[in-house]
Amino acid sequence: MADLDRTTVSNAERGMEISEITVHKLAHALSDALGKQISVEDIVESSERRRR
């Protein structure tokens, strides 16, 4: 996640709107860190569940 700045990650964690490219970067960084495929859809679905 080194290429994502702390403010962007913090905004995403707090549920603030972030750009589509940032979501793709987050998915890629999470996939690398966790050693498994994380899709943009996984992130969006998780975010939508938390809002309910």
N, C-alpha and C. Protein backbone atom coordinates (compact mmCIF):
# COMPACT_ATOMS: atom_id res chain seq x y z
N MET A 1 0.82 -1.19 0.00
CA MET A 1 0.00 0.00 0.00
C MET A 1 0.86 1.26 0.00
N ALA A 2 2.11 1.09 -0.24
CA ALA A 2 3.03 2.22 -0.17
C ALA A 2 2.70 3.33 -1.14
N ASP A 3 2.08 2.98 -2.29
CA ASP A 3 1.78 4.02 -3.26
C ASP A 3 0.48 4.76 -2.97
N LEU A 4 -0.21 4.38 -1.91
CA LEU A 4 -1.43 5.08 -1.48
C LEU A 4 -1.08 5.95 -0.29
N ASP A 5 -1.44 7.22 -0.36
CA ASP A 5 -1.10 8.09 0.77
C ASP A 5 -2.02 7.82 1.96
N ARG A 6 -1.56 8.17 3.12
CA ARG A 6 -2.29 7.88 4.37
C ARG A 6 -3.66 8.53 4.41
N THR A 7 -3.78 9.73 3.87
CA THR A 7 -5.07 10.42 3.87
C THR A 7 -6.10 9.65 3.06
N THR A 8 -5.69 9.16 1.90
CA THR A 8 -6.60 8.39 1.04
C THR A 8 -7.07 7.13 1.74
N VAL A 9 -6.14 6.41 2.35
CA VAL A 9 -6.50 5.18 3.06
C VAL A 9 -7.41 5.51 4.24
N SER A 10 -7.11 6.56 4.97
CA SER A 10 -7.94 6.97 6.10
C SER A 10 -9.35 7.33 5.63
N ASN A 11 -9.45 8.05 4.54
CA ASN A 11 -10.77 8.41 4.00
C ASN A 11 -11.56 7.16 3.63
N ALA A 12 -10.90 6.21 3.01
CA ALA A 12 -11.57 4.96 2.63
C ALA A 12 -12.05 4.21 3.87
N GLU A 13 -11.21 4.16 4.90
CA GLU A 13 -11.57 3.46 6.13
C GLU A 13 -12.77 4.12 6.82
N ARG A 14 -12.87 5.42 6.70
CA ARG A 14 -13.97 6.15 7.34
C ARG A 14 -15.23 6.20 6.47
N GLY A 15 -15.18 5.56 5.31
CA GLY A 15 -16.36 5.50 4.46
C GLY A 15 -16.57 6.71 3.58
N MET A 16 -15.57 7.58 3.51
CA MET A 16 -15.68 8.75 2.64
C MET A 16 -15.52 8.31 1.19
N GLU A 17 -16.09 9.07 0.29
CA GLU A 17 -16.02 8.73 -1.12
C GLU A 17 -14.59 8.90 -1.63
N ILE A 18 -14.14 7.90 -2.39
CA ILE A 18 -12.82 7.95 -3.00
C ILE A 18 -12.97 7.64 -4.48
N SER A 19 -11.98 7.97 -5.26
CA SER A 19 -12.07 7.80 -6.71
C SER A 19 -12.04 6.32 -7.09
N GLU A 20 -12.53 6.05 -8.30
CA GLU A 20 -12.54 4.68 -8.81
C GLU A 20 -11.12 4.13 -8.94
N ILE A 21 -10.20 4.96 -9.37
CA ILE A 21 -8.81 4.51 -9.50
C ILE A 21 -8.23 4.14 -8.14
N THR A 22 -8.62 4.85 -7.11
CA THR A 22 -8.15 4.54 -5.76
C THR A 22 -8.69 3.19 -5.31
N VAL A 23 -9.94 2.90 -5.63
CA VAL A 23 -10.52 1.59 -5.28
C VAL A 23 -9.73 0.48 -5.97
N HIS A 24 -9.37 0.69 -7.22
CA HIS A 24 -8.58 -0.30 -7.94
C HIS A 24 -7.20 -0.47 -7.30
N LYS A 25 -6.59 0.63 -6.90
CA LYS A 25 -5.28 0.57 -6.23
C LYS A 25 -5.40 -0.17 -4.89
N LEU A 26 -6.47 0.10 -4.15
CA LEU A 26 -6.69 -0.59 -2.88
C LEU A 26 -6.85 -2.09 -3.09
N ALA A 27 -7.64 -2.46 -4.10
CA ALA A 27 -7.86 -3.88 -4.38
C ALA A 27 -6.54 -4.56 -4.72
N HIS A 28 -5.73 -3.91 -5.53
CA HIS A 28 -4.43 -4.48 -5.91
C HIS A 28 -3.51 -4.61 -4.70
N ALA A 29 -3.45 -3.56 -3.90
CA ALA A 29 -2.58 -3.58 -2.72
C ALA A 29 -3.03 -4.65 -1.73
N LEU A 30 -4.33 -4.78 -1.52
CA LEU A 30 -4.84 -5.81 -0.61
C LEU A 30 -4.55 -7.20 -1.14
N SER A 31 -4.71 -7.39 -2.45
CA SER A 31 -4.40 -8.69 -3.06
C SER A 31 -2.95 -9.07 -2.82
N ASP A 32 -2.06 -8.12 -3.04
CA ASP A 32 -0.63 -8.38 -2.81
C ASP A 32 -0.35 -8.69 -1.35
N ALA A 33 -0.92 -7.89 -0.45
CA ALA A 33 -0.64 -8.05 0.98
C ALA A 33 -1.21 -9.35 1.55
N LEU A 34 -2.38 -9.74 1.07
CA LEU A 34 -3.05 -10.92 1.61
C LEU A 34 -2.73 -12.20 0.85
N GLY A 35 -2.13 -12.07 -0.32
CA GLY A 35 -1.79 -13.25 -1.10
C GLY A 35 -2.98 -13.94 -1.71
N LYS A 36 -4.06 -13.20 -1.91
CA LYS A 36 -5.24 -13.76 -2.57
C LYS A 36 -5.94 -12.65 -3.35
N GLN A 37 -6.75 -13.05 -4.30
CA GLN A 37 -7.41 -12.08 -5.16
C GLN A 37 -8.49 -11.32 -4.41
N ILE A 38 -8.40 -10.01 -4.43
CA ILE A 38 -9.42 -9.12 -3.88
C ILE A 38 -9.91 -8.26 -5.04
N SER A 39 -11.18 -8.32 -5.34
CA SER A 39 -11.72 -7.56 -6.46
C SER A 39 -12.31 -6.24 -5.99
N VAL A 40 -12.51 -5.34 -6.93
CA VAL A 40 -13.17 -4.07 -6.64
C VAL A 40 -14.57 -4.35 -6.09
N GLU A 41 -15.22 -5.35 -6.65
CA GLU A 41 -16.56 -5.72 -6.19
C GLU A 41 -16.55 -6.14 -4.73
N ASP A 42 -15.52 -6.86 -4.31
CA ASP A 42 -15.40 -7.26 -2.90
C ASP A 42 -15.37 -6.03 -2.00
N ILE A 43 -14.62 -5.02 -2.41
CA ILE A 43 -14.50 -3.80 -1.61
C ILE A 43 -15.82 -3.04 -1.58
N VAL A 44 -16.46 -2.92 -2.73
CA VAL A 44 -17.72 -2.18 -2.82
C VAL A 44 -18.81 -2.88 -2.02
N GLU A 45 -18.89 -4.22 -2.15
CA GLU A 45 -19.90 -4.97 -1.40
C GLU A 45 -19.70 -4.81 0.10
N SER A 46 -18.47 -4.88 0.55
CA SER A 46 -18.17 -4.72 1.97
C SER A 46 -18.58 -3.34 2.45
N SER A 47 -18.30 -2.34 1.65
CA SER A 47 -18.65 -0.97 1.99
C SER A 47 -20.17 -0.79 2.08
N GLU A 48 -20.89 -1.38 1.14
CA GLU A 48 -22.35 -1.26 1.13
C GLU A 48 -22.97 -1.97 2.33
N ARG A 49 -22.41 -3.10 2.73
CA ARG A 49 -22.93 -3.82 3.90
C ARG A 49 -22.75 -3.01 5.17
N ARG A 50 -21.63 -2.30 5.28
CA ARG A 50 -21.37 -1.50 6.48
C ARG A 50 -22.32 -0.31 6.58
N ARG A 51 -22.79 0.19 5.47
CA ARG A 51 -23.69 1.35 5.47
C ARG A 51 -25.08 1.01 5.96
N ARG A 52 -25.45 -0.25 5.88
CA ARG A 52 -26.82 -0.67 6.25
C ARG A 52 -27.00 -0.73 7.73
